[in-house]
């Protein structure tokens, strides 16, 4: 995979950064136990989900 390509993942792929450190990846911020997310982290997760939903809908159309 080219170095300038960034992969979007959901929380199901939390170990991908450890297994493939050379691959650039974007994961949502996970809330830690007994802590709330900051406003900045919530905004990041919201933007991340808006980008991912486009991909998810495209995959759904391909499957149909």
Protein backbone atom coordinates (compact mmCIF):
# COMPACT_ATOMS: atom_id res chain seq x y z
CA UNK A 1 0.00 0.00 0.00
CA UNK A 2 1.40 3.46 -0.85
CA UNK A 3 2.61 5.47 2.14
CA UNK A 4 0.34 8.46 1.46
CA UNK A 5 -2.86 6.37 1.65
CA UNK A 6 -4.73 6.65 4.96
CA UNK A 7 -7.11 3.86 5.96
CA UNK A 8 -10.29 4.55 7.94
CA UNK A 9 -11.26 1.96 10.53
CA UNK A 10 -13.93 1.57 13.17
CA UNK A 11 -13.45 0.33 16.73
CA UNK A 12 -13.52 -3.28 15.53
CA UNK A 13 -9.95 -2.84 14.25
CA UNK A 14 -8.23 -1.48 17.36
CA UNK A 15 -5.15 -3.71 16.95
CA UNK A 16 -4.39 -2.65 13.39
CA UNK A 17 -2.01 0.12 14.49
CA UNK A 18 0.11 -2.35 16.47
CA UNK A 19 0.12 -5.05 13.78
CA UNK A 20 0.83 -2.69 10.87
CA UNK A 21 2.73 0.32 12.24
CA UNK A 22 3.94 1.35 8.78
CA UNK A 23 0.36 1.77 7.50
CA UNK A 24 -1.28 5.13 8.19
CA UNK A 25 -4.68 4.63 9.77
CA UNK A 26 -7.42 6.68 11.38
CA UNK A 27 -9.39 5.22 14.25
CA UNK A 28 -12.09 6.88 16.35
CA UNK A 29 -11.20 7.86 19.90
CA UNK A 30 -12.44 5.30 22.40
CA UNK A 31 -13.80 6.46 25.74
CA UNK A 32 -11.76 5.22 28.67
CA UNK A 33 -13.41 3.70 31.70
CA UNK A 34 -14.77 6.31 34.14
CA UNK A 35 -13.83 9.17 31.78
CA UNK A 36 -15.84 11.18 29.28
CA UNK A 37 -14.62 12.30 25.88
CA UNK A 38 -13.67 15.93 25.47
CA UNK A 39 -15.58 18.15 23.05
CA UNK A 40 -12.64 17.99 20.64
CA UNK A 41 -12.62 14.18 20.73
CA UNK A 42 -16.38 14.07 20.16
CA UNK A 43 -16.01 16.38 17.15
CA UNK A 44 -13.23 14.17 15.76
CA UNK A 45 -15.39 11.03 16.18
CA UNK A 46 -18.32 12.80 14.50
CA UNK A 47 -16.20 13.81 11.48
CA UNK A 48 -14.73 10.31 11.34
CA UNK A 49 -18.18 8.71 11.28
CA UNK A 50 -19.38 11.09 8.56
CA UNK A 51 -16.48 9.96 6.34
CA UNK A 52 -17.01 6.28 7.13
CA UNK A 53 -20.75 6.25 6.45
CA UNK A 54 -20.10 7.21 2.83
CA UNK A 55 -17.84 4.16 2.49
CA UNK A 56 -20.32 1.89 4.27
CA UNK A 57 -23.16 2.99 1.96
CA UNK A 58 -20.99 2.39 -1.12
CA UNK A 59 -20.16 -1.14 0.07
CA UNK A 60 -23.88 -1.77 0.69
CA UNK A 61 -24.76 -0.68 -2.87
CA UNK A 62 -22.08 -2.94 -4.31
CA UNK A 63 -23.45 -5.92 -2.38
CA UNK A 64 -26.97 -5.30 -3.67
